[in-house]
């Protein structure tokens, strides 16, 4: 019998869509491998064999030390799904009309950041050896993403390519070298991963065909590591953690800021310069009450600017 669509399938799709909007992700963060360093970690990237397009999850987020709790609080930006983001809108509003002090605070806290998630098999974690031989999730930023992209489709693709997802002896491990550096003597240090690289093909000790199959089938659903908040929920997050209003503090929705939390560069929209109006011609007819300017016109201008923020 040929497969066919039915109402039960539709209900399953509908249920999955609704669940994706309300998933609680806090418990998943224990499954993220910490690479804050300094240390050298060895991992294998794992593909999503059931849905290869979901092997990586690229997302945007905002985070800062909460004025209400003093702890780092973060929230996923709706720009991850191509939607308008209240945090980005607030950022540009302050840059446009805030005081110099408010503008500096906004620049220090409200900029959009980007990261990626991918499933991994941990070959060596010197900081936490109990992670060795387990499936974890790697959260990484631009430095590691550049190395991974080069191996998949860039300058190193001919040498690595599909090998970086292969758990057999033909596969290549990623050696992540986390180093702490500072911009100048005495300045706070931050992790850098530029010395990381993929290694030559070789076996992973203790893996046979059955074990490899089991590992591939044990990957995490990366969508459960981000929460799709409503505009109202994000506004509550802003009110609580940026302004310190006395409302219930939302749960922290991302790991504490660490590896490669690099701001996504973008600039404030430039103000629209209107042409100088020509002198009005004296009417020969009795003056009539001018038609009120369509309020939606200004709204559309503002929307056009804001819709472009997350594409920069």
C-alpha atoms as a PDB file:
ATOM      1  CA  UNK A   1       0.000   0.000   0.000  1.00  0.00           C
ATOM      2  CA  UNK A   2       1.304   3.432  -0.949  1.00  0.00           C
ATOM      3  CA  UNK A   3       1.757   5.910   1.916  1.00  0.00           C
ATOM      4  CA  UNK A   4      -0.892   8.578   2.029  1.00  0.00           C
ATOM      5  CA  UNK A   5      -1.639  11.673   4.053  1.00  0.00           C
ATOM      6  CA  UNK A   6      -4.380  11.514   6.668  1.00  0.00           C
ATOM      7  CA  UNK A   7      -5.887  13.584   9.464  1.00  0.00           C
ATOM      8  CA  UNK A   8      -3.816  11.836  12.149  1.00  0.00           C
ATOM      9  CA  UNK A   9      -0.624  12.980  10.430  1.00  0.00           C
ATOM     10  CA  UNK A  10      -1.937  16.534  10.353  1.00  0.00           C
ATOM     11  CA  UNK A  11      -2.654  16.469  14.090  1.00  0.00           C
ATOM     12  CA  UNK A  12       0.872  15.209  14.748  1.00  0.00           C
ATOM     13  CA  UNK A  13       2.327  18.031  12.667  1.00  0.00           C
ATOM     14  CA  UNK A  14       0.120  20.584  14.428  1.00  0.00           C
ATOM     15  CA  UNK A  15       1.064  19.241  17.860  1.00  0.00           C
ATOM     16  CA  UNK A  16       4.797  19.299  17.054  1.00  0.00           C
ATOM     17  CA  UNK A  17       4.518  22.902  15.852  1.00  0.00           C
ATOM     18  CA  UNK A  18       2.788  24.013  19.052  1.00  0.00           C
ATOM     19  CA  UNK A  19       5.265  22.127  21.233  1.00  0.00           C
ATOM     20  CA  UNK A  20       8.174  23.844  19.495  1.00  0.00           C
ATOM     21  CA  UNK A  21       6.824  27.220  20.669  1.00  0.00           C
ATOM     22  CA  UNK A  22       6.653  26.230  24.324  1.00  0.00           C
ATOM     23  CA  UNK A  23       9.566  23.854  24.815  1.00  0.00           C
ATOM     24  CA  UNK A  24      11.403  24.297  28.098  1.00  0.00           C
ATOM     25  CA  UNK A  25      15.090  24.089  27.410  1.00  0.00           C
ATOM     26  CA  UNK A  26      16.731  24.661  30.771  1.00  0.00           C
ATOM     27  CA  UNK A  27      17.388  20.981  31.466  1.00  0.00           C
ATOM     28  CA  UNK A  28      19.223  20.515  28.179  1.00  0.00           C
ATOM     29  CA  UNK A  29      22.116  22.794  29.008  1.00  0.00           C
ATOM     30  CA  UNK A  30      23.834  20.117  31.067  1.00  0.00           C
ATOM     31  CA  UNK A  31      24.366  18.341  27.730  1.00  0.00           C
ATOM     32  CA  UNK A  32      26.439  21.205  26.278  1.00  0.00           C
ATOM     33  CA  UNK A  33      30.183  20.593  26.326  1.00  0.00           C
ATOM     34  CA  UNK A  34      32.033  23.422  28.054  1.00  0.00           C
ATOM     35  CA  UNK A  35      35.107  24.505  26.101  1.00  0.00           C
ATOM     36  CA  UNK A  36      35.912  27.645  28.071  1.00  0.00           C
ATOM     37  CA  UNK A  37      39.462  26.332  28.556  1.00  0.00           C
ATOM     38  CA  UNK A  38      42.308  26.699  28.635  1.00  0.00           C
ATOM     39  CA  UNK A  39      42.564  23.107  27.413  1.00  0.00           C
ATOM     40  CA  UNK A  40      42.669  20.957  24.283  1.00  0.00           C
ATOM     41  CA  UNK A  41      39.535  18.973  23.463  1.00  0.00           C
ATOM     42  CA  UNK A  42      39.093  16.302  20.787  1.00  0.00           C
ATOM     43  CA  UNK A  43      35.654  15.631  19.329  1.00  0.00           C
ATOM     44  CA  UNK A  44      33.892  14.180  16.284  1.00  0.00           C
ATOM     45  CA  UNK A  45      31.030  16.100  14.704  1.00  0.00           C
ATOM     46  CA  UNK A  46      27.822  14.066  14.403  1.00  0.00           C
ATOM     47  CA  UNK A  47      25.331  14.399  11.554  1.00  0.00           C
ATOM     48  CA  UNK A  48      21.590  14.234  12.011  1.00  0.00           C
ATOM     49  CA  UNK A  49      21.106  11.106   9.915  1.00  0.00           C
ATOM     50  CA  UNK A  50      17.299  11.363  10.051  1.00  0.00           C
ATOM     51  CA  UNK A  51      17.262  14.976   8.894  1.00  0.00           C
ATOM     52  CA  UNK A  52      20.685  16.097   7.613  1.00  0.00           C
ATOM     53  CA  UNK A  53      19.487  19.706   7.192  1.00  0.00           C
ATOM     54  CA  UNK A  54      19.156  19.915  10.972  1.00  0.00           C
ATOM     55  CA  UNK A  55      22.752  18.889  11.668  1.00  0.00           C
ATOM     56  CA  UNK A  56      23.581  22.481  12.624  1.00  0.00           C
ATOM     57  CA  UNK A  57      21.396  25.043  14.339  1.00  0.00           C
ATOM     58  CA  UNK A  58      22.384  28.665  13.691  1.00  0.00           C
ATOM     59  CA  UNK A  59      20.736  31.118  16.061  1.00  0.00           C
ATOM     60  CA  UNK A  60      20.876  34.728  17.267  1.00  0.00           C
ATOM     61  CA  UNK A  61      20.566  35.853  20.864  1.00  0.00           C
ATOM     62  CA  UNK A  62      20.934  38.738  23.295  1.00  0.00           C
ATOM     63  CA  UNK A  63      22.441  38.552  26.756  1.00  0.00           C
ATOM     64  CA  UNK A  64      23.809  40.729  29.552  1.00  0.00           C
ATOM     65  CA  UNK A  65      24.230  40.780  33.315  1.00  0.00           C
ATOM     66  CA  UNK A  66      20.733  41.290  34.678  1.00  0.00           C
ATOM     67  CA  UNK A  67      20.181  44.493  36.654  1.00  0.00           C
ATOM     68  CA  UNK A  68      17.592  42.558  38.694  1.00  0.00           C
ATOM     69  CA  UNK A  69      19.648  39.495  39.642  1.00  0.00           C
ATOM     70  CA  UNK A  70      23.259  40.358  38.821  1.00  0.00           C
ATOM     71  CA  UNK A  71      23.494  37.082  36.882  1.00  0.00           C
ATOM     72  CA  UNK A  72      23.944  36.615  33.162  1.00  0.00           C
ATOM     73  CA  UNK A  73      20.551  36.384  31.432  1.00  0.00           C
ATOM     74  CA  UNK A  74      20.062  35.581  27.758  1.00  0.00           C
ATOM     75  CA  UNK A  75      17.186  35.171  25.371  1.00  0.00           C
ATOM     76  CA  UNK A  76      16.976  33.849  21.821  1.00  0.00           C
ATOM     77  CA  UNK A  77      16.284  36.546  19.244  1.00  0.00           C
ATOM     78  CA  UNK A  78      13.203  36.026  17.042  1.00  0.00           C
ATOM     79  CA  UNK A  79      15.465  37.015  14.140  1.00  0.00           C
ATOM     80  CA  UNK A  80      16.553  33.352  14.325  1.00  0.00           C
ATOM     81  CA  UNK A  81      13.225  32.623  12.614  1.00  0.00           C
ATOM     82  CA  UNK A  82      13.161  35.773  10.473  1.00  0.00           C
ATOM     83  CA  UNK A  83      10.892  37.693  12.837  1.00  0.00           C
ATOM     84  CA  UNK A  84      11.179  41.189  14.315  1.00  0.00           C
ATOM     85  CA  UNK A  85      13.099  41.407  17.576  1.00  0.00           C
ATOM     86  CA  UNK A  86      12.009  43.734  20.428  1.00  0.00           C
ATOM     87  CA  UNK A  87      15.570  43.832  21.802  1.00  0.00           C
ATOM     88  CA  UNK A  88      17.001  45.027  18.481  1.00  0.00           C
ATOM     89  CA  UNK A  89      14.198  47.554  18.193  1.00  0.00           C
ATOM     90  CA  UNK A  90      14.971  48.885  21.669  1.00  0.00           C
ATOM     91  CA  UNK A  91      18.670  49.065  20.794  1.00  0.00           C
ATOM     92  CA  UNK A  92      18.099  51.286  17.775  1.00  0.00           C
ATOM     93  CA  UNK A  93      15.482  53.375  19.570  1.00  0.00           C
ATOM     94  CA  UNK A  94      18.028  54.210  22.279  1.00  0.00           C
ATOM     95  CA  UNK A  95      20.738  54.967  19.703  1.00  0.00           C
ATOM     96  CA  UNK A  96      18.317  57.296  17.943  1.00  0.00           C
ATOM     97  CA  UNK A  97      16.896  59.214  20.894  1.00  0.00           C
ATOM     98  CA  UNK A  98      18.606  58.148  24.139  1.00  0.00           C
ATOM     99  CA  UNK A  99      21.055  60.137  26.233  1.00  0.00           C
ATOM    100  CA  UNK A 100      24.789  59.511  25.714  1.00  0.00           C
ATOM    101  CA  UNK A 101      24.822  57.399  28.890  1.00  0.00           C
ATOM    102  CA  UNK A 102      21.841  55.340  27.697  1.00  0.00           C
ATOM    103  CA  UNK A 103      23.463  54.846  24.312  1.00  0.00           C
ATOM    104  CA  UNK A 104      26.682  53.539  25.841  1.00  0.00           C
ATOM    105  CA  UNK A 105      24.741  51.124  28.047  1.00  0.00           C
ATOM    106  CA  UNK A 106      22.751  49.882  25.057  1.00  0.00           C
ATOM    107  CA  UNK A 107      25.930  49.316  23.022  1.00  0.00           C
ATOM    108  CA  UNK A 108      27.440  47.345  25.895  1.00  0.00           C
ATOM    109  CA  UNK A 109      24.407  45.111  26.462  1.00  0.00           C
ATOM    110  CA  UNK A 110      21.842  44.968  23.662  1.00  0.00           C
ATOM    111  CA  UNK A 111      23.898  44.041  20.613  1.00  0.00           C
ATOM    112  CA  UNK A 112      22.846  40.891  18.821  1.00  0.00           C
ATOM    113  CA  UNK A 113      25.147  37.855  19.002  1.00  0.00           C
ATOM    114  CA  UNK A 114      25.215  34.649  16.985  1.00  0.00           C
ATOM    115  CA  UNK A 115      26.208  31.084  17.746  1.00  0.00           C
ATOM    116  CA  UNK A 116      25.776  27.583  16.384  1.00  0.00           C
ATOM    117  CA  UNK A 117      24.888  24.198  17.892  1.00  0.00           C
ATOM    118  CA  UNK A 118      25.980  20.785  16.620  1.00  0.00           C
ATOM    119  CA  UNK A 119      25.926  17.272  18.090  1.00  0.00           C
ATOM    120  CA  UNK A 120      29.327  15.792  18.896  1.00  0.00           C
ATOM    121  CA  UNK A 121      30.978  12.622  20.173  1.00  0.00           C
ATOM    122  CA  UNK A 122      33.507  13.481  22.876  1.00  0.00           C
ATOM    123  CA  UNK A 123      36.849  11.744  22.309  1.00  0.00           C
ATOM    124  CA  UNK A 124      38.801  13.676  24.944  1.00  0.00           C
ATOM    125  CA  UNK A 125      37.683  16.237  27.513  1.00  0.00           C
ATOM    126  CA  UNK A 126      40.619  16.908  29.863  1.00  0.00           C
ATOM    127  CA  UNK A 127      38.532  19.148  32.106  1.00  0.00           C
ATOM    128  CA  UNK A 128      35.732  16.620  32.612  1.00  0.00           C
ATOM    129  CA  UNK A 129      36.915  13.094  31.678  1.00  0.00           C
ATOM    130  CA  UNK A 130      33.486  11.683  32.519  1.00  0.00           C
ATOM    131  CA  UNK A 131      32.304  13.205  29.227  1.00  0.00           C
ATOM    132  CA  UNK A 132      34.654  10.989  27.213  1.00  0.00           C
ATOM    133  CA  UNK A 133      32.758   8.500  25.080  1.00  0.00           C
ATOM    134  CA  UNK A 134      29.436  10.366  25.335  1.00  0.00           C
ATOM    135  CA  UNK A 135      27.237  12.338  22.973  1.00  0.00           C
ATOM    136  CA  UNK A 136      27.131  16.052  23.785  1.00  0.00           C
ATOM    137  CA  UNK A 137      26.236  19.305  22.041  1.00  0.00           C
ATOM    138  CA  UNK A 138      28.878  21.840  21.053  1.00  0.00           C
ATOM    139  CA  UNK A 139      27.968  25.519  21.211  1.00  0.00           C
ATOM    140  CA  UNK A 140      30.401  27.515  19.116  1.00  0.00           C
ATOM    141  CA  UNK A 141      30.947  30.930  17.592  1.00  0.00           C
ATOM    142  CA  UNK A 142      32.541  32.534  14.563  1.00  0.00           C
ATOM    143  CA  UNK A 143      36.092  31.261  15.026  1.00  0.00           C
ATOM    144  CA  UNK A 144      35.181  27.572  15.063  1.00  0.00           C
ATOM    145  CA  UNK A 145      32.466  28.104  12.475  1.00  0.00           C
ATOM    146  CA  UNK A 146      35.083  29.446  10.067  1.00  0.00           C
ATOM    147  CA  UNK A 147      37.186  26.292  10.565  1.00  0.00           C
ATOM    148  CA  UNK A 148      34.173  23.985  10.151  1.00  0.00           C
ATOM    149  CA  UNK A 149      32.896  25.776   7.047  1.00  0.00           C
ATOM    150  CA  UNK A 150      36.357  25.630   5.461  1.00  0.00           C
ATOM    151  CA  UNK A 151      36.391  21.851   6.006  1.00  0.00           C
ATOM    152  CA  UNK A 152      32.896  21.367   4.567  1.00  0.00           C
ATOM    153  CA  UNK A 153      32.845  23.656   1.550  1.00  0.00           C
ATOM    154  CA  UNK A 154      35.868  25.955   1.690  1.00  0.00           C
ATOM    155  CA  UNK A 155      39.595  25.740   1.102  1.00  0.00           C
ATOM    156  CA  UNK A 156      39.979  22.519   3.121  1.00  0.00           C
ATOM    157  CA  UNK A 157      36.990  20.679   1.633  1.00  0.00           C
ATOM    158  CA  UNK A 158      39.084  18.492  -0.665  1.00  0.00           C
ATOM    159  CA  UNK A 159      41.085  17.245   2.320  1.00  0.00           C
ATOM    160  CA  UNK A 160      38.232  16.786   4.794  1.00  0.00           C
ATOM    161  CA  UNK A 161      34.674  17.181   3.464  1.00  0.00           C
ATOM    162  CA  UNK A 162      32.376  14.337   4.583  1.00  0.00           C
ATOM    163  CA  UNK A 163      35.184  12.824   6.685  1.00  0.00           C
ATOM    164  CA  UNK A 164      34.457  15.257   9.530  1.00  0.00           C
ATOM    165  CA  UNK A 165      31.124  13.493  10.162  1.00  0.00           C
ATOM    166  CA  UNK A 166      32.504   9.954   9.908  1.00  0.00           C
ATOM    167  CA  UNK A 167      33.000   7.991  13.144  1.00  0.00           C
ATOM    168  CA  UNK A 168      34.930   5.195  11.448  1.00  0.00           C
ATOM    169  CA  UNK A 169      38.695   4.994  10.987  1.00  0.00           C
ATOM    170  CA  UNK A 170      38.226   7.055   7.823  1.00  0.00           C
ATOM    171  CA  UNK A 171      36.880  10.000   9.791  1.00  0.00           C
ATOM    172  CA  UNK A 172      38.620  13.125  11.065  1.00  0.00           C
ATOM    173  CA  UNK A 173      38.407  14.485  14.610  1.00  0.00           C
ATOM    174  CA  UNK A 174      38.293  18.183  15.452  1.00  0.00           C
ATOM    175  CA  UNK A 175      40.938  19.266  17.927  1.00  0.00           C
ATOM    176  CA  UNK A 176      39.671  22.328  19.775  1.00  0.00           C
ATOM    177  CA  UNK A 177      42.455  24.316  21.382  1.00  0.00           C
ATOM    178  CA  UNK A 178      41.047  26.844  23.845  1.00  0.00           C
ATOM    179  CA  UNK A 179      43.497  29.552  24.855  1.00  0.00           C
ATOM    180  CA  UNK A 180      42.999  32.579  27.099  1.00  0.00           C
ATOM    181  CA  UNK A 181      44.272  35.871  25.717  1.00  0.00           C
ATOM    182  CA  UNK A 182      43.897  39.556  26.512  1.00  0.00           C
ATOM    183  CA  UNK A 183      44.099  42.690  24.416  1.00  0.00           C
ATOM    184  CA  UNK A 184      46.729  44.262  26.656  1.00  0.00           C
ATOM    185  CA  UNK A 185      48.630  43.498  29.868  1.00  0.00           C
ATOM    186  CA  UNK A 186      46.344  43.439  32.880  1.00  0.00           C
ATOM    187  CA  UNK A 187      43.162  43.370  30.801  1.00  0.00           C
ATOM    188  CA  UNK A 188      40.558  40.602  31.333  1.00  0.00           C
ATOM    189  CA  UNK A 189      41.291  37.441  29.390  1.00  0.00           C
ATOM    190  CA  UNK A 190      38.880  35.786  26.996  1.00  0.00           C
ATOM    191  CA  UNK A 191      38.974  32.425  25.167  1.00  0.00           C
ATOM    192  CA  UNK A 192      40.161  32.118  21.594  1.00  0.00           C
ATOM    193  CA  UNK A 193      40.005  29.048  19.319  1.00  0.00           C
ATOM    194  CA  UNK A 194      42.009  30.097  16.275  1.00  0.00           C
ATOM    195  CA  UNK A 195      44.591  27.323  16.810  1.00  0.00           C
ATOM    196  CA  UNK A 196      41.922  24.598  16.456  1.00  0.00           C
ATOM    197  CA  UNK A 197      42.085  22.227  13.482  1.00  0.00           C
ATOM    198  CA  UNK A 198      40.782  19.002  11.986  1.00  0.00           C
ATOM    199  CA  UNK A 199      43.166  16.059  12.286  1.00  0.00           C
ATOM    200  CA  UNK A 200      44.175  13.390   9.798  1.00  0.00           C
ATOM    201  CA  UNK A 201      41.835  10.382   9.468  1.00  0.00           C
ATOM    202  CA  UNK A 202      42.109   7.775  12.190  1.00  0.00           C
ATOM    203  CA  UNK A 203      40.085   5.418  14.394  1.00  0.00           C
ATOM    204  CA  UNK A 204      38.431   6.321  17.681  1.00  0.00           C
ATOM    205  CA  UNK A 205      39.342   3.823  20.381  1.00  0.00           C
ATOM    206  CA  UNK A 206      36.494   1.583  21.506  1.00  0.00           C
ATOM    207  CA  UNK A 207      34.181   2.148  18.548  1.00  0.00           C
ATOM    208  CA  UNK A 208      32.884  -0.726  16.475  1.00  0.00           C
ATOM    209  CA  UNK A 209      30.125  -0.771  13.859  1.00  0.00           C
ATOM    210  CA  UNK A 210      27.304  -1.371  16.361  1.00  0.00           C
ATOM    211  CA  UNK A 211      28.563   1.341  18.702  1.00  0.00           C
ATOM    212  CA  UNK A 212      28.843   3.815  15.839  1.00  0.00           C
ATOM    213  CA  UNK A 213      25.254   3.108  14.776  1.00  0.00           C
ATOM    214  CA  UNK A 214      24.074   3.643  18.355  1.00  0.00           C
ATOM    215  CA  UNK A 215      25.919   6.971  18.575  1.00  0.00           C
ATOM    216  CA  UNK A 216      24.425   8.274  15.341  1.00  0.00           C
ATOM    217  CA  UNK A 217      20.974   7.424  16.670  1.00  0.00           C
ATOM    218  CA  UNK A 218      21.586   9.185  20.004  1.00  0.00           C
ATOM    219  CA  UNK A 219      21.871  12.777  18.799  1.00  0.00           C
ATOM    220  CA  UNK A 220      19.897  15.523  20.512  1.00  0.00           C
ATOM    221  CA  UNK A 221      17.107  17.541  18.912  1.00  0.00           C
ATOM    222  CA  UNK A 222      18.880  20.898  18.611  1.00  0.00           C
ATOM    223  CA  UNK A 223      15.592  22.802  18.462  1.00  0.00           C
ATOM    224  CA  UNK A 224      15.134  22.021  22.158  1.00  0.00           C
ATOM    225  CA  UNK A 225      18.163  24.167  22.970  1.00  0.00           C
ATOM    226  CA  UNK A 226      16.440  27.410  21.929  1.00  0.00           C
ATOM    227  CA  UNK A 227      13.122  28.863  23.036  1.00  0.00           C
ATOM    228  CA  UNK A 228      10.793  30.705  20.694  1.00  0.00           C
ATOM    229  CA  UNK A 229       9.487  33.454  22.976  1.00  0.00           C
ATOM    230  CA  UNK A 230       6.537  35.710  22.180  1.00  0.00           C
ATOM    231  CA  UNK A 231       6.950  39.476  21.867  1.00  0.00           C
ATOM    232  CA  UNK A 232       5.218  39.904  25.247  1.00  0.00           C
ATOM    233  CA  UNK A 233       7.590  37.436  26.937  1.00  0.00           C
ATOM    234  CA  UNK A 234      10.610  39.205  25.458  1.00  0.00           C
ATOM    235  CA  UNK A 235       9.290  42.562  26.664  1.00  0.00           C
ATOM    236  CA  UNK A 236       8.964  41.120  30.173  1.00  0.00           C
ATOM    237  CA  UNK A 237      12.553  39.897  29.891  1.00  0.00           C
ATOM    238  CA  UNK A 238      13.672  43.414  28.925  1.00  0.00           C
ATOM    239  CA  UNK A 239      11.662  45.083  31.680  1.00  0.00           C
ATOM    240  CA  UNK A 240      13.085  42.742  34.295  1.00  0.00           C
ATOM    241  CA  UNK A 241      16.695  42.345  33.278  1.00  0.00           C
ATOM    242  CA  UNK A 242      17.482  45.633  31.526  1.00  0.00           C
ATOM    243  CA  UNK A 243      15.317  48.060  33.487  1.00  0.00           C
ATOM    244  CA  UNK A 244      15.023  46.149  36.770  1.00  0.00           C
ATOM    245  CA  UNK A 245      11.255  46.381  37.022  1.00  0.00           C
ATOM    246  CA  UNK A 246       9.687  44.375  39.820  1.00  0.00           C
ATOM    247  CA  UNK A 247       8.170  41.548  37.829  1.00  0.00           C
ATOM    248  CA  UNK A 248       8.761  37.818  37.867  1.00  0.00           C
ATOM    249  CA  UNK A 249      12.232  37.108  36.504  1.00  0.00           C
ATOM    250  CA  UNK A 250      12.122  34.828  33.444  1.00  0.00           C
ATOM    251  CA  UNK A 251      14.294  31.747  33.452  1.00  0.00           C
ATOM    252  CA  UNK A 252      17.736  32.129  31.888  1.00  0.00           C
ATOM    253  CA  UNK A 253      17.374  30.737  28.381  1.00  0.00           C
ATOM    254  CA  UNK A 254      20.977  30.179  27.345  1.00  0.00           C
ATOM    255  CA  UNK A 255      24.305  29.203  28.879  1.00  0.00           C
ATOM    256  CA  UNK A 256      26.415  31.762  30.668  1.00  0.00           C
ATOM    257  CA  UNK A 257      28.364  33.889  28.211  1.00  0.00           C
ATOM    258  CA  UNK A 258      31.653  32.269  27.345  1.00  0.00           C
ATOM    259  CA  UNK A 259      33.141  30.903  24.177  1.00  0.00           C
ATOM    260  CA  UNK A 260      33.037  33.287  21.251  1.00  0.00           C
ATOM    261  CA  UNK A 261      30.018  35.341  22.264  1.00  0.00           C
ATOM    262  CA  UNK A 262      30.914  37.816  19.558  1.00  0.00           C
ATOM    263  CA  UNK A 263      28.577  40.641  18.649  1.00  0.00           C
ATOM    264  CA  UNK A 264      27.002  40.477  15.214  1.00  0.00           C
ATOM    265  CA  UNK A 265      28.117  43.718  13.560  1.00  0.00           C
ATOM    266  CA  UNK A 266      25.409  46.049  12.424  1.00  0.00           C
ATOM    267  CA  UNK A 267      24.847  49.779  12.311  1.00  0.00           C
ATOM    268  CA  UNK A 268      21.923  51.947  13.300  1.00  0.00           C
ATOM    269  CA  UNK A 269      19.686  52.917  10.384  1.00  0.00           C
ATOM    270  CA  UNK A 270      20.499  56.338   8.994  1.00  0.00           C
ATOM    271  CA  UNK A 271      17.731  58.955   9.333  1.00  0.00           C
ATOM    272  CA  UNK A 272      15.702  59.557   6.197  1.00  0.00           C
ATOM    273  CA  UNK A 273      16.425  63.012   4.725  1.00  0.00           C
ATOM    274  CA  UNK A 274      13.234  64.521   3.370  1.00  0.00           C
ATOM    275  CA  UNK A 275      13.425  66.841   0.326  1.00  0.00           C
ATOM    276  CA  UNK A 276      12.752  70.520   0.901  1.00  0.00           C
ATOM    277  CA  UNK A 277       9.116  71.258   0.225  1.00  0.00           C
ATOM    278  CA  UNK A 278       8.301  73.626  -2.635  1.00  0.00           C
ATOM    279  CA  UNK A 279       6.416  76.869  -1.808  1.00  0.00           C
ATOM    280  CA  UNK A 280       2.698  76.266  -1.726  1.00  0.00           C
ATOM    281  CA  UNK A 281       0.645  77.685  -4.589  1.00  0.00           C
ATOM    282  CA  UNK A 282      -2.052  80.126  -3.422  1.00  0.00           C
ATOM    283  CA  UNK A 283      -5.412  78.487  -3.921  1.00  0.00           C
ATOM    284  CA  UNK A 284      -8.120  80.329  -5.817  1.00  0.00           C
ATOM    285  CA  UNK A 285     -10.820  78.173  -4.313  1.00  0.00           C
ATOM    286  CA  UNK A 286     -12.079  78.382  -0.738  1.00  0.00           C
ATOM    287  CA  UNK A 287      -9.651  76.708   1.583  1.00  0.00           C
ATOM    288  CA  UNK A 288     -10.589  73.217   2.582  1.00  0.00           C
ATOM    289  CA  UNK A 289      -9.507  71.301   5.632  1.00  0.00           C
ATOM    290  CA  UNK A 290      -6.368  69.297   4.725  1.00  0.00           C
ATOM    291  CA  UNK A 291      -6.665  65.554   4.771  1.00  0.00           C
ATOM    292  CA  UNK A 292      -4.847  64.066   7.794  1.00  0.00           C
ATOM    293  CA  UNK A 293      -1.678  62.223   6.906  1.00  0.00           C
ATOM    294  CA  UNK A 294      -2.210  58.474   6.906  1.00  0.00           C
ATOM    295  CA  UNK A 295      -0.759  57.307  10.225  1.00  0.00           C
ATOM    296  CA  UNK A 296       0.109  53.988   8.688  1.00  0.00           C
ATOM    297  CA  UNK A 297       2.588  55.691   6.347  1.00  0.00           C
ATOM    298  CA  UNK A 298       4.975  56.486   9.183  1.00  0.00           C
ATOM    299  CA  UNK A 299       4.437  53.043  10.670  1.00  0.00           C
ATOM    300  CA  UNK A 300       5.406  51.482   7.346  1.00  0.00           C
ATOM    301  CA  UNK A 301       8.601  53.550   7.209  1.00  0.00           C
ATOM    302  CA  UNK A 302       9.589  52.454  10.688  1.00  0.00           C
ATOM    303  CA  UNK A 303       8.728  48.828   9.926  1.00  0.00           C
ATOM    304  CA  UNK A 304      10.845  48.915   6.761  1.00  0.00           C
ATOM    305  CA  UNK A 305      13.837  50.073   8.788  1.00  0.00           C
ATOM    306  CA  UNK A 306      13.332  47.535  11.582  1.00  0.00           C
ATOM    307  CA  UNK A 307      12.733  44.646   9.202  1.00  0.00           C
ATOM    308  CA  UNK A 308      16.181  45.248   7.779  1.00  0.00           C
ATOM    309  CA  UNK A 309      18.017  45.264  11.097  1.00  0.00           C
ATOM    310  CA  UNK A 310      18.612  41.558  11.359  1.00  0.00           C
ATOM    311  CA  UNK A 311      19.796  41.218   7.776  1.00  0.00           C
ATOM    312  CA  UNK A 312      22.873  43.339   8.468  1.00  0.00           C
END
